[in-house]
PDB file of N, CA and C in Angstrom:
ATOM      1  N   MET A   1     -21.822 -33.549  -0.557  1.00  0.00           N
ATOM      2  CA  MET A   1     -20.897 -33.057  -1.398  1.00  0.00           C
ATOM      3  C   MET A   1     -19.945 -32.423  -0.569  1.00  0.00           C
ATOM      4  N   ASN A   2     -18.677 -32.201  -1.055  1.00  0.00           N
ATOM      5  CA  ASN A   2     -17.513 -31.214  -0.386  1.00  0.00           C
ATOM      6  C   ASN A   2     -17.843 -29.803  -0.857  1.00  0.00           C
ATOM      7  N   GLN A   3     -17.796 -28.916  -0.028  1.00  0.00           N
ATOM      8  CA  GLN A   3     -17.805 -27.504  -0.695  1.00  0.00           C
ATOM      9  C   GLN A   3     -16.668 -26.620  -0.105  1.00  0.00           C
ATOM     10  N   LEU A   4     -16.344 -25.490  -1.006  1.00  0.00           N
ATOM     11  CA  LEU A   4     -15.018 -24.762  -0.666  1.00  0.00           C
ATOM     12  C   LEU A   4     -15.646 -23.578  -0.975  1.00  0.00           C
ATOM     13  N   ALA A   5     -15.259 -22.827   0.130  1.00  0.00           N
ATOM     14  CA  ALA A   5     -15.617 -21.334   0.018  1.00  0.00           C
ATOM     15  C   ALA A   5     -14.714 -20.428   0.460  1.00  0.00           C
ATOM     16  N   PHE A   6     -14.060 -19.267  -0.285  1.00  0.00           N
ATOM     17  CA  PHE A   6     -13.428 -17.964   0.093  1.00  0.00           C
ATOM     18  C   PHE A   6     -13.889 -16.777   0.794  1.00  0.00           C
ATOM     19  N   ILE A   7     -13.314 -15.985   1.788  1.00  0.00           N
ATOM     20  CA  ILE A   7     -13.856 -14.933   1.923  1.00  0.00           C
ATOM     21  C   ILE A   7     -12.968 -14.015   1.174  1.00  0.00           C
ATOM     22  N   PHE A   8     -12.865 -12.598   0.207  1.00  0.00           N
ATOM     23  CA  PHE A   8     -12.191 -11.696   0.171  1.00  0.00           C
ATOM     24  C   PHE A   8     -12.594 -10.322   1.157  1.00  0.00           C
ATOM     25  N   ASP A   9     -11.757 -10.272   1.789  1.00  0.00           N
ATOM     26  CA  ASP A   9     -11.760  -9.219   2.679  1.00  0.00           C
ATOM     27  C   ASP A   9     -10.994  -7.764   1.924  1.00  0.00           C
ATOM     28  N   MET A  10     -11.911  -7.299   0.806  1.00  0.00           N
ATOM     29  CA  MET A  10     -11.224  -6.274  -0.172  1.00  0.00           C
ATOM     30  C   MET A  10     -11.442  -4.878   0.481  1.00  0.00           C
ATOM     31  N   ASP A  11     -11.810  -4.741   1.332  1.00  0.00           N
ATOM     32  CA  ASP A  11     -11.964  -3.290   2.418  1.00  0.00           C
ATOM     33  C   ASP A  11     -11.635  -3.431   4.006  1.00  0.00           C
ATOM     34  N   SER A  12     -10.775  -4.389   4.234  1.00  0.00           N
ATOM     35  CA  SER A  12      -9.924  -4.614   5.535  1.00  0.00           C
ATOM     36  C   SER A  12     -11.440  -4.532   6.655  1.00  0.00           C
ATOM     37  N   LEU A  13     -12.547  -5.115   6.390  1.00  0.00           N
ATOM     38  CA  LEU A  13     -13.194  -5.070   7.289  1.00  0.00           C
ATOM     39  C   LEU A  13     -13.209  -6.003   8.393  1.00  0.00           C
ATOM     40  N   ILE A  14     -12.745  -7.206   7.906  1.00  0.00           N
ATOM     41  CA  ILE A  14     -12.450  -8.250   8.671  1.00  0.00           C
ATOM     42  C   ILE A  14     -11.181  -8.269   9.176  1.00  0.00           C
ATOM     43  N   VAL A  15     -10.145  -8.352   8.825  1.00  0.00           N
ATOM     44  CA  VAL A  15      -8.783  -8.151   9.257  1.00  0.00           C
ATOM     45  C   VAL A  15      -8.260  -6.697   9.034  1.00  0.00           C
ATOM     46  N   ASP A  16      -7.636  -6.620  10.179  1.00  0.00           N
ATOM     47  CA  ASP A  16      -7.024  -4.850   9.695  1.00  0.00           C
ATOM     48  C   ASP A  16      -5.416  -5.210   9.114  1.00  0.00           C
ATOM     49  N   SER A  17      -5.461  -4.814   7.836  1.00  0.00           N
ATOM     50  CA  SER A  17      -4.708  -5.386   7.220  1.00  0.00           C
ATOM     51  C   SER A  17      -3.330  -4.213   7.007  1.00  0.00           C
ATOM     52  N   GLU A  18      -4.232  -2.789   7.477  1.00  0.00           N
ATOM     53  CA  GLU A  18      -2.860  -1.544   7.497  1.00  0.00           C
ATOM     54  C   GLU A  18      -1.680  -1.476   7.700  1.00  0.00           C
ATOM     55  N   PRO A  19      -1.199  -2.295   8.914  1.00  0.00           N
ATOM     56  CA  PRO A  19      -0.404  -2.374   9.721  1.00  0.00           C
ATOM     57  C   PRO A  19       0.384  -3.002   8.935  1.00  0.00           C
ATOM     58  N   VAL A  20       0.412  -4.149   8.186  1.00  0.00           N
ATOM     59  CA  VAL A  20       1.067  -5.003   7.404  1.00  0.00           C
ATOM     60  C   VAL A  20       1.908  -3.842   6.185  1.00  0.00           C
ATOM     61  N   TYR A  21       0.564  -3.158   5.557  1.00  0.00           N
ATOM     62  CA  TYR A  21       0.926  -2.872   4.454  1.00  0.00           C
ATOM     63  C   TYR A  21       1.911  -1.396   4.802  1.00  0.00           C
ATOM     64  N   ARG A  22       1.655  -0.821   6.044  1.00  0.00           N
ATOM     65  CA  ARG A  22       2.579   0.584   6.542  1.00  0.00           C
ATOM     66  C   ARG A  22       3.679  -0.384   6.717  1.00  0.00           C
ATOM     67  N   SER A  23       4.257  -1.218   7.245  1.00  0.00           N
ATOM     68  CA  SER A  23       5.434  -1.879   7.127  1.00  0.00           C
ATOM     69  C   SER A  23       6.550  -2.417   5.838  1.00  0.00           C
ATOM     70  N   ARG A  24       5.584  -2.729   4.761  1.00  0.00           N
ATOM     71  CA  ARG A  24       5.810  -3.201   3.496  1.00  0.00           C
ATOM     72  C   ARG A  24       6.245  -1.996   3.026  1.00  0.00           C
ATOM     73  N   ASN A  25       5.409  -1.018   3.163  1.00  0.00           N
ATOM     74  CA  ASN A  25       5.491   0.495   2.455  1.00  0.00           C
ATOM     75  C   ASN A  25       6.889   1.151   3.178  1.00  0.00           C
ATOM     76  N   LYS A  26       7.224   1.265   4.253  1.00  0.00           N
ATOM     77  CA  LYS A  26       8.429   1.715   4.822  1.00  0.00           C
ATOM     78  C   LYS A  26       8.953   0.530   4.249  1.00  0.00           C
ATOM     79  N   ASP A  27       9.527  -0.489   4.292  1.00  0.00           N
ATOM     80  CA  ASP A  27      10.508  -1.220   3.791  1.00  0.00           C
ATOM     81  C   ASP A  27      11.060  -0.596   1.932  1.00  0.00           C
ATOM     82  N   ILE A  28       9.935  -0.645   1.333  1.00  0.00           N
ATOM     83  CA  ILE A  28       9.831  -0.297   0.003  1.00  0.00           C
ATOM     84  C   ILE A  28      10.529   1.789   0.056  1.00  0.00           C
ATOM     85  N   PHE A  29      10.083   2.415   0.733  1.00  0.00           N
ATOM     86  CA  PHE A  29      10.581   3.559   0.889  1.00  0.00           C
ATOM     87  C   PHE A  29      12.005   3.762   1.120  1.00  0.00           C
ATOM     88  N   LYS A  30      12.512   2.906   2.027  1.00  0.00           N
ATOM     89  CA  LYS A  30      13.765   2.754   2.202  1.00  0.00           C
ATOM     90  C   LYS A  30      14.823   2.408   1.465  1.00  0.00           C
ATOM     91  N   LYS A  31      14.149   1.085   0.457  1.00  0.00           N
ATOM     92  CA  LYS A  31      14.900   0.321  -0.794  1.00  0.00           C
ATOM     93  C   LYS A  31      15.093   1.632  -1.974  1.00  0.00           C
ATOM     94  N   LEU A  32      13.980   2.724  -1.871  1.00  0.00           N
ATOM     95  CA  LEU A  32      14.097   3.681  -2.801  1.00  0.00           C
ATOM     96  C   LEU A  32      15.059   5.005  -2.397  1.00  0.00           C
ATOM     97  N   GLU A  33      15.565   4.858  -0.660  1.00  0.00           N
ATOM     98  CA  GLU A  33      16.019   5.812  -0.315  1.00  0.00           C
ATOM     99  C   GLU A  33      15.053   7.202  -0.127  1.00  0.00           C
ATOM    100  N   ARG A  34      14.234   7.071   0.179  1.00  0.00           N
ATOM    101  CA  ARG A  34      13.197   8.403   0.005  1.00  0.00           C
ATOM    102  C   ARG A  34      12.316   8.702   1.814  1.00  0.00           C
ATOM    103  N   GLU A  35      12.645   9.628   2.059  1.00  0.00           N
ATOM    104  CA  GLU A  35      11.597  10.068   3.207  1.00  0.00           C
ATOM    105  C   GLU A  35      10.511  10.309   2.850  1.00  0.00           C
ATOM    106  N   VAL A  36       9.388   9.452   3.338  1.00  0.00           N
ATOM    107  CA  VAL A  36       7.855  10.276   2.801  1.00  0.00           C
ATOM    108  C   VAL A  36       7.315  10.570   4.145  1.00  0.00           C
ATOM    109  N   ASP A  37       6.539  11.711   4.178  1.00  0.00           N
ATOM    110  CA  ASP A  37       6.032  12.263   5.230  1.00  0.00           C
ATOM    111  C   ASP A  37       4.788  11.443   5.649  1.00  0.00           C
ATOM    112  N   LYS A  38       4.440  11.727   6.486  1.00  0.00           N
ATOM    113  CA  LYS A  38       3.152  11.155   7.136  1.00  0.00           C
ATOM    114  C   LYS A  38       1.759  11.344   6.659  1.00  0.00           C
ATOM    115  N   ASP A  39       1.714  12.477   6.064  1.00  0.00           N
ATOM    116  CA  ASP A  39       0.615  12.876   5.450  1.00  0.00           C
ATOM    117  C   ASP A  39       0.509  12.172   4.009  1.00  0.00           C
ATOM    118  N   THR A  40       1.652  11.586   3.668  1.00  0.00           N
ATOM    119  CA  THR A  40       1.654  11.041   2.474  1.00  0.00           C
ATOM    120  C   THR A  40       1.811   9.657   2.653  1.00  0.00           C
ATOM    121  N   GLN A  41       1.979   9.195   3.509  1.00  0.00           N
ATOM    122  CA  GLN A  41       1.865   7.906   4.030  1.00  0.00           C
ATOM    123  C   GLN A  41       0.090   7.367   4.418  1.00  0.00           C
ATOM    124  N   LEU A  42      -0.016   8.514   5.065  1.00  0.00           N
ATOM    125  CA  LEU A  42      -1.573   8.266   5.282  1.00  0.00           C
ATOM    126  C   LEU A  42      -2.720   8.282   4.056  1.00  0.00           C
ATOM    127  N   SER A  43      -2.154   9.034   3.000  1.00  0.00           N
ATOM    128  CA  SER A  43      -2.983   9.379   1.972  1.00  0.00           C
ATOM    129  C   SER A  43      -2.878   7.852   1.200  1.00  0.00           C
ATOM    130  N   PHE A  44      -2.201   6.934   1.311  1.00  0.00           N
ATOM    131  CA  PHE A  44      -2.179   5.732   0.994  1.00  0.00           C
ATOM    132  C   PHE A  44      -3.264   4.500   1.434  1.00  0.00           C
ATOM    133  N   ILE A  45      -4.018   4.766   2.563  1.00  0.00           N
ATOM    134  CA  ILE A  45      -4.525   4.126   3.433  1.00  0.00           C
ATOM    135  C   ILE A  45      -5.922   3.675   2.594  1.00  0.00           C
ATOM    136  N   ARG A  46      -6.456   2.787   2.331  1.00  0.00           N
ATOM    137  CA  ARG A  46      -7.525   2.240   1.664  1.00  0.00           C
ATOM    138  C   ARG A  46      -7.140   2.491   0.393  1.00  0.00           C
ATOM    139  N   GLY A  47      -6.115   2.838  -0.599  1.00  0.00           N
ATOM    140  CA  GLY A  47      -6.136   2.648  -1.886  1.00  0.00           C
ATOM    141  C   GLY A  47      -5.646   1.892  -2.402  1.00  0.00           C
ATOM    142  N   THR A  48      -5.242   1.838  -4.043  1.00  0.00           N
ATOM    143  CA  THR A  48      -4.937   1.062  -4.606  1.00  0.00           C
ATOM    144  C   THR A  48      -3.182   1.075  -4.943  1.00  0.00           C
ATOM    145  N   ALA A  49      -2.568   0.374  -5.250  1.00  0.00           N
ATOM    146  CA  ALA A  49      -0.969  -0.105  -5.224  1.00  0.00           C
ATOM    147  C   ALA A  49      -1.224   1.303  -6.592  1.00  0.00           C
ATOM    148  N   LYS A  50      -1.735   0.907  -7.699  1.00  0.00           N
ATOM    149  CA  LYS A  50      -1.447   2.076  -8.781  1.00  0.00           C
ATOM    150  C   LYS A  50      -1.446   3.532  -8.305  1.00  0.00           C
ATOM    151  N   ARG A  51      -2.345   3.841  -7.376  1.00  0.00           N
ATOM    152  CA  ARG A  51      -2.923   5.292  -6.894  1.00  0.00           C
ATOM    153  C   ARG A  51      -1.470   5.151  -6.044  1.00  0.00           C
ATOM    154  N   LYS A  52      -0.640   4.873  -5.483  1.00  0.00           N
ATOM    155  CA  LYS A  52      -0.085   4.531  -4.501  1.00  0.00           C
ATOM    156  C   LYS A  52       1.319   4.744  -5.395  1.00  0.00           C
ATOM    157  N   TRP A  53       1.637   4.273  -6.067  1.00  0.00           N
ATOM    158  CA  TRP A  53       2.790   4.471  -7.052  1.00  0.00           C
ATOM    159  C   TRP A  53       2.587   5.731  -8.085  1.00  0.00           C
ATOM    160  N   THR A  54       1.223   6.132  -8.405  1.00  0.00           N
ATOM    161  CA  THR A  54       1.463   7.546  -9.361  1.00  0.00           C
ATOM    162  C   THR A  54       1.710   8.573  -8.089  1.00  0.00           C
ATOM    163  N   ILE A  55       1.171   8.713  -6.983  1.00  0.00           N
ATOM    164  CA  ILE A  55       1.572   9.723  -5.899  1.00  0.00           C
ATOM    165  C   ILE A  55       3.046   9.604  -6.040  1.00  0.00           C
ATOM    166  N   LEU A  56       4.225   8.510  -5.674  1.00  0.00           N
ATOM    167  CA  LEU A  56       5.041   8.479  -5.342  1.00  0.00           C
ATOM    168  C   LEU A  56       6.049   8.900  -6.396  1.00  0.00           C
ATOM    169  N   THR A  57       5.437   8.340  -7.706  1.00  0.00           N
ATOM    170  CA  THR A  57       6.313   8.937  -9.020  1.00  0.00           C
ATOM    171  C   THR A  57       5.872  10.324  -9.236  1.00  0.00           C
ATOM    172  N   ARG A  58       5.118  10.742  -9.043  1.00  0.00           N
ATOM    173  CA  ARG A  58       4.866  12.270  -9.003  1.00  0.00           C
ATOM    174  C   ARG A  58       5.557  13.214  -8.248  1.00  0.00           C
ATOM    175  N   GLU A  59       5.955  12.426  -6.548  1.00  0.00           N
ATOM    176  CA  GLU A  59       6.275  13.511  -5.729  1.00  0.00           C
ATOM    177  C   GLU A  59       8.103  13.244  -5.608  1.00  0.00           C
ATOM    178  N   PHE A  60       8.468  12.346  -6.239  1.00  0.00           N
ATOM    179  CA  PHE A  60       9.431  11.559  -6.018  1.00  0.00           C
ATOM    180  C   PHE A  60      10.408  11.736  -7.726  1.00  0.00           C
ATOM    181  N   LEU A  61       9.487  12.344  -8.648  1.00  0.00           N
ATOM    182  CA  LEU A  61      10.213  12.085  -9.819  1.00  0.00           C
ATOM    183  C   LEU A  61      10.790  10.839 -10.244  1.00  0.00           C
ATOM    184  N   LEU A  62      10.276   9.999  -9.773  1.00  0.00           N
ATOM    185  CA  LEU A  62      10.564   8.697 -10.363  1.00  0.00           C
ATOM    186  C   LEU A  62      10.028   8.178 -11.836  1.00  0.00           C
ATOM    187  N   THR A  63      10.944   7.498 -12.233  1.00  0.00           N
ATOM    188  CA  THR A  63      10.644   6.736 -13.330  1.00  0.00           C
ATOM    189  C   THR A  63      10.430   5.224 -13.495  1.00  0.00           C
ATOM    190  N   PRO A  64       9.822   4.691 -14.055  1.00  0.00           N
ATOM    191  CA  PRO A  64       9.191   3.287 -14.338  1.00  0.00           C
ATOM    192  C   PRO A  64      10.569   2.792 -14.755  1.00  0.00           C
ATOM    193  N   THR A  65      11.107   1.713 -14.309  1.00  0.00           N
ATOM    194  CA  THR A  65      12.132   0.507 -14.656  1.00  0.00           C
ATOM    195  C   THR A  65      11.841  -0.894 -14.578  1.00  0.00           C
TER     196      THR A  65
END
């Protein structure tokens, strides 16, 4: 019998994905033409995308498009 399995690394214990997310965040900030301080960027670590966008919309008074 053939079996297929997937491992979901939801907490980045197997693979450190934070450098990839930080790089993508920098691209997003550049596109939004916003300077995001280091403390705010660090607050995104281990957080959800929804949490990140909530912080960004509050800090920079962004409106959803």
